[in-house]
C-alpha atoms as a PDB file:
ATOM      1  CA  UNK A   1      85.818 -47.367  88.260  1.00  0.00           C
ATOM      2  CA  UNK A   2      84.261 -46.521  91.647  1.00  0.00           C
ATOM      3  CA  UNK A   3      81.023 -48.655  90.586  1.00  0.00           C
ATOM      4  CA  UNK A   4      83.429 -51.441  89.064  1.00  0.00           C
ATOM      5  CA  UNK A   5      84.801 -51.872  92.498  1.00  0.00           C
ATOM      6  CA  UNK A   6      81.476 -51.883  94.027  1.00  0.00           C
ATOM      7  CA  UNK A   7      80.249 -54.908  92.077  1.00  0.00           C
ATOM      8  CA  UNK A   8      81.304 -58.609  93.154  1.00  0.00           C
ATOM      9  CA  UNK A   9      82.729 -60.434  90.249  1.00  0.00           C
ATOM     10  CA  UNK A  10      80.568 -62.431  88.338  1.00  0.00           C
ATOM     11  CA  UNK A  11      82.661 -65.739  89.381  1.00  0.00           C
ATOM     12  CA  UNK A  12      81.617 -65.173  92.966  1.00  0.00           C
ATOM     13  CA  UNK A  13      78.018 -63.995  91.941  1.00  0.00           C
ATOM     14  CA  UNK A  14      77.299 -67.294  90.114  1.00  0.00           C
ATOM     15  CA  UNK A  15      79.317 -69.481  92.445  1.00  0.00           C
ATOM     16  CA  UNK A  16      77.369 -72.727  93.578  1.00  0.00           C
ATOM     17  CA  UNK A  17      75.124 -72.395  96.992  1.00  0.00           C
ATOM     18  CA  UNK A  18      77.922 -73.121  99.334  1.00  0.00           C
ATOM     19  CA  UNK A  19      80.393 -70.821  97.682  1.00  0.00           C
ATOM     20  CA  UNK A  20      78.253 -67.948  96.615  1.00  0.00           C
ATOM     21  CA  UNK A  21      78.846 -64.675  98.497  1.00  0.00           C
ATOM     22  CA  UNK A  22      76.277 -62.778 100.415  1.00  0.00           C
ATOM     23  CA  UNK A  23      74.930 -59.934  98.315  1.00  0.00           C
ATOM     24  CA  UNK A  24      74.673 -57.559 101.493  1.00  0.00           C
ATOM     25  CA  UNK A  25      78.468 -57.832 101.866  1.00  0.00           C
ATOM     26  CA  UNK A  26      78.659 -55.466  99.250  1.00  0.00           C
ATOM     27  CA  UNK A  27      75.920 -53.066 100.481  1.00  0.00           C
ATOM     28  CA  UNK A  28      78.548 -50.974 102.606  1.00  0.00           C
ATOM     29  CA  UNK A  29      80.563 -49.847  99.472  1.00  0.00           C
ATOM     30  CA  UNK A  30      77.615 -48.206  98.075  1.00  0.00           C
ATOM     31  CA  UNK A  31      76.703 -46.370 101.441  1.00  0.00           C
ATOM     32  CA  UNK A  32      78.706 -43.722 100.737  1.00  0.00           C
ATOM     33  CA  UNK A  33      78.004 -43.483  97.046  1.00  0.00           C
ATOM     34  CA  UNK A  34      74.252 -43.334  97.294  1.00  0.00           C
ATOM     35  CA  UNK A  35      73.700 -41.705 100.981  1.00  0.00           C
ATOM     36  CA  UNK A  36      76.320 -39.061 101.251  1.00  0.00           C
ATOM     37  CA  UNK A  37      74.714 -35.752 102.689  1.00  0.00           C
ATOM     38  CA  UNK A  38      74.667 -32.871 100.271  1.00  0.00           C
ATOM     39  CA  UNK A  39      77.132 -30.275 100.852  1.00  0.00           C
ATOM     40  CA  UNK A  40      74.242 -27.691 100.884  1.00  0.00           C
ATOM     41  CA  UNK A  41      70.703 -28.057 102.782  1.00  0.00           C
ATOM     42  CA  UNK A  42      67.986 -28.849 100.248  1.00  0.00           C
ATOM     43  CA  UNK A  43      66.079 -25.653  99.026  1.00  0.00           C
ATOM     44  CA  UNK A  44      63.861 -24.791  96.280  1.00  0.00           C
ATOM     45  CA  UNK A  45      65.694 -21.551  96.051  1.00  0.00           C
ATOM     46  CA  UNK A  46      69.067 -22.974  95.636  1.00  0.00           C
ATOM     47  CA  UNK A  47      69.193 -23.520  92.246  1.00  0.00           C
ATOM     48  CA  UNK A  48      67.797 -20.077  91.339  1.00  0.00           C
ATOM     49  CA  UNK A  49      70.119 -18.140  93.756  1.00  0.00           C
ATOM     50  CA  UNK A  50      73.065 -19.597  91.903  1.00  0.00           C
ATOM     51  CA  UNK A  51      71.880 -17.946  88.462  1.00  0.00           C
ATOM     52  CA  UNK A  52      72.687 -14.271  87.833  1.00  0.00           C
ATOM     53  CA  UNK A  53      69.757 -12.116  87.444  1.00  0.00           C
ATOM     54  CA  UNK A  54      70.323 -11.613  83.752  1.00  0.00           C
ATOM     55  CA  UNK A  55      70.173 -15.064  82.959  1.00  0.00           C
ATOM     56  CA  UNK A  56      66.544 -15.770  84.132  1.00  0.00           C
ATOM     57  CA  UNK A  57      63.719 -14.756  81.956  1.00  0.00           C
ATOM     58  CA  UNK A  58      60.017 -15.518  82.542  1.00  0.00           C
ATOM     59  CA  UNK A  59      57.569 -15.324  79.729  1.00  0.00           C
ATOM     60  CA  UNK A  60      53.899 -15.424  79.975  1.00  0.00           C
ATOM     61  CA  UNK A  61      51.435 -16.949  77.019  1.00  0.00           C
ATOM     62  CA  UNK A  62      47.639 -16.591  77.129  1.00  0.00           C
ATOM     63  CA  UNK A  63      46.013 -19.058  75.296  1.00  0.00           C
ATOM     64  CA  UNK A  64      42.630 -20.908  75.136  1.00  0.00           C
ATOM     65  CA  UNK A  65      42.410 -24.185  76.150  1.00  0.00           C
ATOM     66  CA  UNK A  66      38.713 -25.434  75.234  1.00  0.00           C
ATOM     67  CA  UNK A  67      35.819 -23.989  73.949  1.00  0.00           C
ATOM     68  CA  UNK A  68      32.268 -24.513  74.845  1.00  0.00           C
ATOM     69  CA  UNK A  69      29.514 -23.264  72.877  1.00  0.00           C
ATOM     70  CA  UNK A  70      25.603 -23.464  74.062  1.00  0.00           C
ATOM     71  CA  UNK A  71      24.147 -23.058  70.823  1.00  0.00           C
ATOM     72  CA  UNK A  72      20.646 -22.487  69.499  1.00  0.00           C
ATOM     73  CA  UNK A  73      20.588 -24.081  66.297  1.00  0.00           C
ATOM     74  CA  UNK A  74      22.861 -25.714  63.994  1.00  0.00           C
ATOM     75  CA  UNK A  75      22.627 -22.679  61.615  1.00  0.00           C
ATOM     76  CA  UNK A  76      25.415 -21.207  63.739  1.00  0.00           C
ATOM     77  CA  UNK A  77      27.683 -23.156  61.447  1.00  0.00           C
ATOM     78  CA  UNK A  78      28.101 -20.525  58.813  1.00  0.00           C
ATOM     79  CA  UNK A  79      29.348 -21.399  55.275  1.00  0.00           C
ATOM     80  CA  UNK A  80      31.625 -22.709  53.682  1.00  0.00           C
ATOM     81  CA  UNK A  81      31.675 -24.837  56.877  1.00  0.00           C
ATOM     82  CA  UNK A  82      29.942 -28.051  56.526  1.00  0.00           C
ATOM     83  CA  UNK A  83      28.214 -30.365  59.215  1.00  0.00           C
ATOM     84  CA  UNK A  84      29.386 -33.773  59.302  1.00  0.00           C
ATOM     85  CA  UNK A  85      26.368 -35.919  60.264  1.00  0.00           C
ATOM     86  CA  UNK A  86      27.578 -39.071  62.259  1.00  0.00           C
ATOM     87  CA  UNK A  87      26.120 -41.964  63.611  1.00  0.00           C
ATOM     88  CA  UNK A  88      26.996 -44.232  66.866  1.00  0.00           C
ATOM     89  CA  UNK A  89      29.855 -42.276  68.031  1.00  0.00           C
ATOM     90  CA  UNK A  90      31.775 -44.165  70.429  1.00  0.00           C
ATOM     91  CA  UNK A  91      30.775 -43.449  74.203  1.00  0.00           C
ATOM     92  CA  UNK A  92      34.162 -42.541  75.062  1.00  0.00           C
ATOM     93  CA  UNK A  93      33.258 -39.244  73.423  1.00  0.00           C
ATOM     94  CA  UNK A  94      30.793 -38.427  75.910  1.00  0.00           C
ATOM     95  CA  UNK A  95      31.175 -36.238  78.547  1.00  0.00           C
ATOM     96  CA  UNK A  96      31.265 -38.318  81.856  1.00  0.00           C
ATOM     97  CA  UNK A  97      32.834 -35.743  84.386  1.00  0.00           C
ATOM     98  CA  UNK A  98      31.212 -32.954  86.366  1.00  0.00           C
ATOM     99  CA  UNK A  99      32.005 -29.529  84.685  1.00  0.00           C
ATOM    100  CA  UNK A 100      31.946 -25.959  86.209  1.00  0.00           C
ATOM    101  CA  UNK A 101      30.702 -24.699  82.881  1.00  0.00           C
ATOM    102  CA  UNK A 102      26.795 -25.827  82.314  1.00  0.00           C
ATOM    103  CA  UNK A 103      25.484 -24.484  78.893  1.00  0.00           C
ATOM    104  CA  UNK A 104      21.447 -24.173  78.876  1.00  0.00           C
ATOM    105  CA  UNK A 105      21.712 -24.590  82.582  1.00  0.00           C
ATOM    106  CA  UNK A 106      22.524 -28.561  82.286  1.00  0.00           C
ATOM    107  CA  UNK A 107      24.338 -30.815  84.462  1.00  0.00           C
ATOM    108  CA  UNK A 108      26.198 -32.096  81.216  1.00  0.00           C
ATOM    109  CA  UNK A 109      27.638 -35.359  82.976  1.00  0.00           C
ATOM    110  CA  UNK A 110      24.191 -36.661  84.025  1.00  0.00           C
ATOM    111  CA  UNK A 111      22.018 -35.589  80.997  1.00  0.00           C
ATOM    112  CA  UNK A 112      21.584 -38.171  78.393  1.00  0.00           C
ATOM    113  CA  UNK A 113      23.311 -36.989  75.388  1.00  0.00           C
ATOM    114  CA  UNK A 114      24.999 -38.492  72.359  1.00  0.00           C
ATOM    115  CA  UNK A 115      27.333 -36.915  69.681  1.00  0.00           C
ATOM    116  CA  UNK A 116      25.469 -36.187  66.514  1.00  0.00           C
ATOM    117  CA  UNK A 117      28.487 -34.647  64.415  1.00  0.00           C
ATOM    118  CA  UNK A 118      31.299 -32.373  63.892  1.00  0.00           C
ATOM    119  CA  UNK A 119      32.257 -29.243  62.005  1.00  0.00           C
ATOM    120  CA  UNK A 120      35.885 -27.449  61.562  1.00  0.00           C
ATOM    121  CA  UNK A 121      36.276 -23.859  61.359  1.00  0.00           C
ATOM    122  CA  UNK A 122      39.530 -21.791  61.198  1.00  0.00           C
ATOM    123  CA  UNK A 123      41.582 -25.031  61.537  1.00  0.00           C
ATOM    124  CA  UNK A 124      39.553 -25.978  65.047  1.00  0.00           C
ATOM    125  CA  UNK A 125      37.244 -29.204  64.936  1.00  0.00           C
ATOM    126  CA  UNK A 126      34.412 -29.003  67.068  1.00  0.00           C
ATOM    127  CA  UNK A 127      32.248 -32.361  68.291  1.00  0.00           C
ATOM    128  CA  UNK A 128      28.509 -31.462  68.283  1.00  0.00           C
ATOM    129  CA  UNK A 129      26.513 -32.836  71.238  1.00  0.00           C
ATOM    130  CA  UNK A 130      22.788 -33.010  71.584  1.00  0.00           C
ATOM    131  CA  UNK A 131      21.268 -33.234  75.061  1.00  0.00           C
ATOM    132  CA  UNK A 132      17.993 -34.498  76.142  1.00  0.00           C
ATOM    133  CA  UNK A 133      17.057 -32.929  79.473  1.00  0.00           C
ATOM    134  CA  UNK A 134      13.950 -34.922  79.976  1.00  0.00           C
ATOM    135  CA  UNK A 135      15.580 -38.429  79.306  1.00  0.00           C
ATOM    136  CA  UNK A 136      16.344 -40.427  82.247  1.00  0.00           C
ATOM    137  CA  UNK A 137      19.037 -39.149  84.605  1.00  0.00           C
ATOM    138  CA  UNK A 138      22.212 -41.082  84.015  1.00  0.00           C
ATOM    139  CA  UNK A 139      25.116 -41.980  85.845  1.00  0.00           C
ATOM    140  CA  UNK A 140      28.538 -40.629  85.618  1.00  0.00           C
ATOM    141  CA  UNK A 141      29.910 -43.203  83.498  1.00  0.00           C
ATOM    142  CA  UNK A 142      30.321 -42.050  79.745  1.00  0.00           C
ATOM    143  CA  UNK A 143      28.593 -45.251  78.444  1.00  0.00           C
ATOM    144  CA  UNK A 144      25.762 -44.844  81.022  1.00  0.00           C
ATOM    145  CA  UNK A 145      24.893 -41.354  79.926  1.00  0.00           C
ATOM    146  CA  UNK A 146      24.472 -42.108  76.344  1.00  0.00           C
ATOM    147  CA  UNK A 147      21.469 -43.841  74.742  1.00  0.00           C
ATOM    148  CA  UNK A 148      20.530 -47.156  74.845  1.00  0.00           C
ATOM    149  CA  UNK A 149      19.998 -49.103  71.204  1.00  0.00           C
ATOM    150  CA  UNK A 150      16.167 -48.694  71.728  1.00  0.00           C
ATOM    151  CA  UNK A 151      16.443 -45.029  72.264  1.00  0.00           C
ATOM    152  CA  UNK A 152      19.112 -44.906  69.330  1.00  0.00           C
ATOM    153  CA  UNK A 153      16.626 -46.330  67.038  1.00  0.00           C
ATOM    154  CA  UNK A 154      13.816 -43.951  68.168  1.00  0.00           C
ATOM    155  CA  UNK A 155      16.414 -41.052  67.522  1.00  0.00           C
ATOM    156  CA  UNK A 156      17.372 -42.276  64.170  1.00  0.00           C
ATOM    157  CA  UNK A 157      14.167 -43.556  62.674  1.00  0.00           C
ATOM    158  CA  UNK A 158      11.777 -41.163  64.099  1.00  0.00           C
ATOM    159  CA  UNK A 159      13.603 -37.910  64.250  1.00  0.00           C
ATOM    160  CA  UNK A 160      17.139 -37.500  62.531  1.00  0.00           C
ATOM    161  CA  UNK A 161      16.464 -39.427  59.408  1.00  0.00           C
ATOM    162  CA  UNK A 162      13.091 -38.318  58.396  1.00  0.00           C
ATOM    163  CA  UNK A 163      14.705 -34.726  59.077  1.00  0.00           C
ATOM    164  CA  UNK A 164      17.590 -35.396  56.728  1.00  0.00           C
ATOM    165  CA  UNK A 165      14.868 -36.715  53.963  1.00  0.00           C
ATOM    166  CA  UNK A 166      12.864 -33.510  54.465  1.00  0.00           C
ATOM    167  CA  UNK A 167      15.445 -30.819  54.468  1.00  0.00           C
ATOM    168  CA  UNK A 168      18.866 -32.295  53.254  1.00  0.00           C
ATOM    169  CA  UNK A 169      19.372 -31.658  49.413  1.00  0.00           C
ATOM    170  CA  UNK A 170      19.166 -34.876  47.292  1.00  0.00           C
ATOM    171  CA  UNK A 171      22.997 -35.235  46.386  1.00  0.00           C
ATOM    172  CA  UNK A 172      23.686 -35.381  50.235  1.00  0.00           C
ATOM    173  CA  UNK A 173      20.674 -37.560  51.250  1.00  0.00           C
ATOM    174  CA  UNK A 174      21.460 -40.414  48.662  1.00  0.00           C
ATOM    175  CA  UNK A 175      24.718 -41.124  50.785  1.00  0.00           C
ATOM    176  CA  UNK A 176      23.094 -41.367  54.221  1.00  0.00           C
ATOM    177  CA  UNK A 177      21.791 -44.779  55.212  1.00  0.00           C
ATOM    178  CA  UNK A 178      17.701 -44.639  55.208  1.00  0.00           C
ATOM    179  CA  UNK A 179      17.303 -46.702  58.502  1.00  0.00           C
ATOM    180  CA  UNK A 180      18.492 -47.503  61.973  1.00  0.00           C
ATOM    181  CA  UNK A 181      18.876 -51.188  60.578  1.00  0.00           C
ATOM    182  CA  UNK A 182      20.996 -50.162  57.907  1.00  0.00           C
ATOM    183  CA  UNK A 183      22.995 -47.684  59.933  1.00  0.00           C
ATOM    184  CA  UNK A 184      23.560 -50.483  62.787  1.00  0.00           C
ATOM    185  CA  UNK A 185      24.554 -53.251  60.193  1.00  0.00           C
ATOM    186  CA  UNK A 186      27.222 -50.779  58.624  1.00  0.00           C
ATOM    187  CA  UNK A 187      28.603 -49.858  62.103  1.00  0.00           C
ATOM    188  CA  UNK A 188      29.097 -53.662  62.598  1.00  0.00           C
ATOM    189  CA  UNK A 189      30.654 -54.440  59.047  1.00  0.00           C
ATOM    190  CA  UNK A 190      34.286 -54.106  58.057  1.00  0.00           C
ATOM    191  CA  UNK A 191      36.136 -52.615  55.110  1.00  0.00           C
ATOM    192  CA  UNK A 192      38.402 -55.158  53.549  1.00  0.00           C
ATOM    193  CA  UNK A 193      42.038 -54.093  52.385  1.00  0.00           C
ATOM    194  CA  UNK A 194      42.171 -53.846  48.429  1.00  0.00           C
ATOM    195  CA  UNK A 195      43.813 -57.030  46.628  1.00  0.00           C
ATOM    196  CA  UNK A 196      42.859 -59.084  50.317  1.00  0.00           C
ATOM    197  CA  UNK A 197      40.298 -61.314  49.215  1.00  0.00           C
ATOM    198  CA  UNK A 198      38.925 -61.937  52.468  1.00  0.00           C
ATOM    199  CA  UNK A 199      38.299 -60.320  55.742  1.00  0.00           C
ATOM    200  CA  UNK A 200      41.485 -60.209  58.359  1.00  0.00           C
ATOM    201  CA  UNK A 201      41.621 -58.882  61.632  1.00  0.00           C
ATOM    202  CA  UNK A 202      43.690 -56.080  60.658  1.00  0.00           C
ATOM    203  CA  UNK A 203      40.578 -54.411  58.802  1.00  0.00           C
ATOM    204  CA  UNK A 204      39.449 -51.150  59.666  1.00  0.00           C
ATOM    205  CA  UNK A 205      36.042 -51.006  61.190  1.00  0.00           C
ATOM    206  CA  UNK A 206      33.300 -48.972  59.002  1.00  0.00           C
ATOM    207  CA  UNK A 207      31.896 -47.353  62.279  1.00  0.00           C
ATOM    208  CA  UNK A 208      34.743 -44.441  61.729  1.00  0.00           C
ATOM    209  CA  UNK A 209      33.407 -43.863  58.232  1.00  0.00           C
ATOM    210  CA  UNK A 210      29.601 -43.296  59.307  1.00  0.00           C
ATOM    211  CA  UNK A 211      29.866 -39.697  58.556  1.00  0.00           C
ATOM    212  CA  UNK A 212      28.404 -37.521  56.129  1.00  0.00           C
ATOM    213  CA  UNK A 213      28.398 -33.906  54.914  1.00  0.00           C
ATOM    214  CA  UNK A 214      25.427 -31.444  55.084  1.00  0.00           C
ATOM    215  CA  UNK A 215      25.671 -28.069  53.605  1.00  0.00           C
ATOM    216  CA  UNK A 216      25.551 -24.963  55.716  1.00  0.00           C
ATOM    217  CA  UNK A 217      22.366 -23.812  53.867  1.00  0.00           C
ATOM    218  CA  UNK A 218      20.434 -26.970  55.005  1.00  0.00           C
ATOM    219  CA  UNK A 219      21.405 -26.780  58.553  1.00  0.00           C
ATOM    220  CA  UNK A 220      18.626 -24.131  59.726  1.00  0.00           C
ATOM    221  CA  UNK A 221      15.629 -26.154  58.347  1.00  0.00           C
ATOM    222  CA  UNK A 222      17.382 -29.584  59.131  1.00  0.00           C
ATOM    223  CA  UNK A 223      17.557 -28.261  63.047  1.00  0.00           C
ATOM    224  CA  UNK A 224      14.164 -27.017  62.956  1.00  0.00           C
ATOM    225  CA  UNK A 225      12.722 -30.674  61.968  1.00  0.00           C
ATOM    226  CA  UNK A 226      14.577 -32.372  64.399  1.00  0.00           C
ATOM    227  CA  UNK A 227      13.465 -29.951  66.944  1.00  0.00           C
ATOM    228  CA  UNK A 228       9.871 -30.418  65.888  1.00  0.00           C
ATOM    229  CA  UNK A 229      10.040 -34.049  65.635  1.00  0.00           C
ATOM    230  CA  UNK A 230      11.791 -34.302  69.305  1.00  0.00           C
ATOM    231  CA  UNK A 231       8.979 -32.389  70.817  1.00  0.00           C
ATOM    232  CA  UNK A 232       5.985 -34.573  69.257  1.00  0.00           C
ATOM    233  CA  UNK A 233       7.944 -38.102  69.896  1.00  0.00           C
ATOM    234  CA  UNK A 234       6.688 -40.382  72.765  1.00  0.00           C
ATOM    235  CA  UNK A 235       8.554 -43.114  74.209  1.00  0.00           C
ATOM    236  CA  UNK A 236       6.222 -45.690  76.381  1.00  0.00           C
ATOM    237  CA  UNK A 237       7.587 -47.124  79.464  1.00  0.00           C
ATOM    238  CA  UNK A 238       7.185 -50.296  80.911  1.00  0.00           C
ATOM    239  CA  UNK A 239       4.088 -49.137  82.881  1.00  0.00           C
ATOM    240  CA  UNK A 240       2.644 -48.124  79.619  1.00  0.00           C
ATOM    241  CA  UNK A 241       2.977 -44.503  80.293  1.00  0.00           C
ATOM    242  CA  UNK A 242       3.776 -42.046  77.501  1.00  0.00           C
ATOM    243  CA  UNK A 243       7.147 -39.855  78.136  1.00  0.00           C
ATOM    244  CA  UNK A 244       8.425 -36.999  76.033  1.00  0.00           C
ATOM    245  CA  UNK A 245      12.157 -38.411  76.175  1.00  0.00           C
ATOM    246  CA  UNK A 246      13.701 -36.208  73.509  1.00  0.00           C
ATOM    247  CA  UNK A 247      11.742 -33.094  74.013  1.00  0.00           C
ATOM    248  CA  UNK A 248      13.348 -29.752  73.925  1.00  0.00           C
ATOM    249  CA  UNK A 249      16.892 -30.881  72.678  1.00  0.00           C
ATOM    250  CA  UNK A 250      19.863 -28.961  73.399  1.00  0.00           C
ATOM    251  CA  UNK A 251      23.116 -28.522  71.330  1.00  0.00           C
ATOM    252  CA  UNK A 252      26.721 -28.303  72.812  1.00  0.00           C
ATOM    253  CA  UNK A 253      29.687 -27.501  70.340  1.00  0.00           C
ATOM    254  CA  UNK A 254      32.883 -28.450  72.063  1.00  0.00           C
ATOM    255  CA  UNK A 255      36.669 -28.305  71.230  1.00  0.00           C
ATOM    256  CA  UNK A 256      39.426 -28.823  73.740  1.00  0.00           C
ATOM    257  CA  UNK A 257      43.011 -29.852  74.089  1.00  0.00           C
ATOM    258  CA  UNK A 258      43.592 -26.687  71.729  1.00  0.00           C
ATOM    259  CA  UNK A 259      47.482 -27.145  71.960  1.00  0.00           C
ATOM    260  CA  UNK A 260      48.453 -23.474  72.006  1.00  0.00           C
ATOM    261  CA  UNK A 261      46.086 -22.640  68.925  1.00  0.00           C
ATOM    262  CA  UNK A 262      45.543 -19.143  70.545  1.00  0.00           C
ATOM    263  CA  UNK A 263      48.700 -18.660  72.591  1.00  0.00           C
ATOM    264  CA  UNK A 264      49.666 -14.903  72.615  1.00  0.00           C
ATOM    265  CA  UNK A 265      51.824 -12.480  74.903  1.00  0.00           C
ATOM    266  CA  UNK A 266      48.981 -10.581  75.648  1.00  0.00           C
ATOM    267  CA  UNK A 267      45.254 -11.468  76.835  1.00  0.00           C
ATOM    268  CA  UNK A 268      43.949  -9.087  74.376  1.00  0.00           C
ATOM    269  CA  UNK A 269      45.878 -10.556  71.395  1.00  0.00           C
ATOM    270  CA  UNK A 270      44.798 -13.915  72.374  1.00  0.00           C
ATOM    271  CA  UNK A 271      41.136 -12.947  72.533  1.00  0.00           C
ATOM    272  CA  UNK A 272      41.455 -10.904  69.199  1.00  0.00           C
ATOM    273  CA  UNK A 273      42.809 -14.039  67.564  1.00  0.00           C
ATOM    274  CA  UNK A 274      39.876 -16.198  68.924  1.00  0.00           C
ATOM    275  CA  UNK A 275      37.304 -13.282  67.881  1.00  0.00           C
ATOM    276  CA  UNK A 276      38.726 -13.399  64.236  1.00  0.00           C
ATOM    277  CA  UNK A 277      38.758 -16.861  63.561  1.00  0.00           C
ATOM    278  CA  UNK A 278      36.436 -18.896  65.710  1.00  0.00           C
ATOM    279  CA  UNK A 279      33.523 -16.227  66.336  1.00  0.00           C
ATOM    280  CA  UNK A 280      34.004 -15.167  62.707  1.00  0.00           C
ATOM    281  CA  UNK A 281      33.057 -18.744  61.516  1.00  0.00           C
ATOM    282  CA  UNK A 282      29.738 -19.038  63.462  1.00  0.00           C
ATOM    283  CA  UNK A 283      26.511 -17.076  63.259  1.00  0.00           C
ATOM    284  CA  UNK A 284      25.965 -15.257  66.548  1.00  0.00           C
ATOM    285  CA  UNK A 285      22.239 -14.948  65.717  1.00  0.00           C
END
C-alpha cells in the first residue's frame, strides 16, 4: 500500500503534454522509503554478532584446482588409458596468460605451442600440449602463440603423420588422414544431419571430430619418432636461412577447473586421493 500511494495514477502519467504531472513531484514520497538511515551503523560484524555462538560453523575443505605435468614422453600415459590424437585444436585452448608454474622452464604464454590431443585417467581429462622452444617468440594472444598454417603443414606432413605411419598399429592408423591437405579439408567440412538431404546452418563442424585413438602401448615409439623428426626438420626463413623451428619439443599435460574432484577435509586425504587416482594412472618413469 505504501508503494501504491507513492506512484501517480496512470491517468495523470499518460495525460497530454499540458496536463501531465511533473514526475519529480513524487520523489519526496520515496525519500523516506529509500534513504532512511539504518537503525544500527553499518558493520561487517553486525550480522555475525546477532548469531549465537553455537549456530556458526566454519568448515574447510582441501582440494586440487588444476594439474600441470611437464611430461618427458607420451609414454607417461598408462594402459588402459588411450591417447586421443587431434588436429587443428581451436586457438582458445592455447595458454595465453602468464603462469606462475613453468614446466621445463618455459614461459608458456610466449612459447609457440599447440594442443595435439587429450587423454582421461580416473575420470579427469587432460589436454596434451606440445611446445616448441626454438619457434619464433609469440605475443600474448592465444591465436598468436599458436602455429601458422605453414608451420602446421610442416608439423603434420613432416613430423606427426610420418610418426603415425611408422609406429601406430594398422587398425588405428587407417582412420587417421594421411596428409595435411586431407586434415585441413576435413576441418572445413560439415556433417549433415541424417535425413536432411542437404547442408544446413545447424550442421556441426567436423573439426570437433578430428580426434583418433592411439593405444598406450604405441605411445613410447610414437613420441620418440616425433622427437627424432622434429630435431631433424628445418624451416627456411625469408632470408634463406635454415631454422630448427621444431627442435626439442616439450610436452605439457594440463587439467583445470576440476570442481571439487579432490575435495577432502584434510590436506593428507586430498593428496592421498590425488596419488591413488591420477598418479596411479601415469608412469613416473
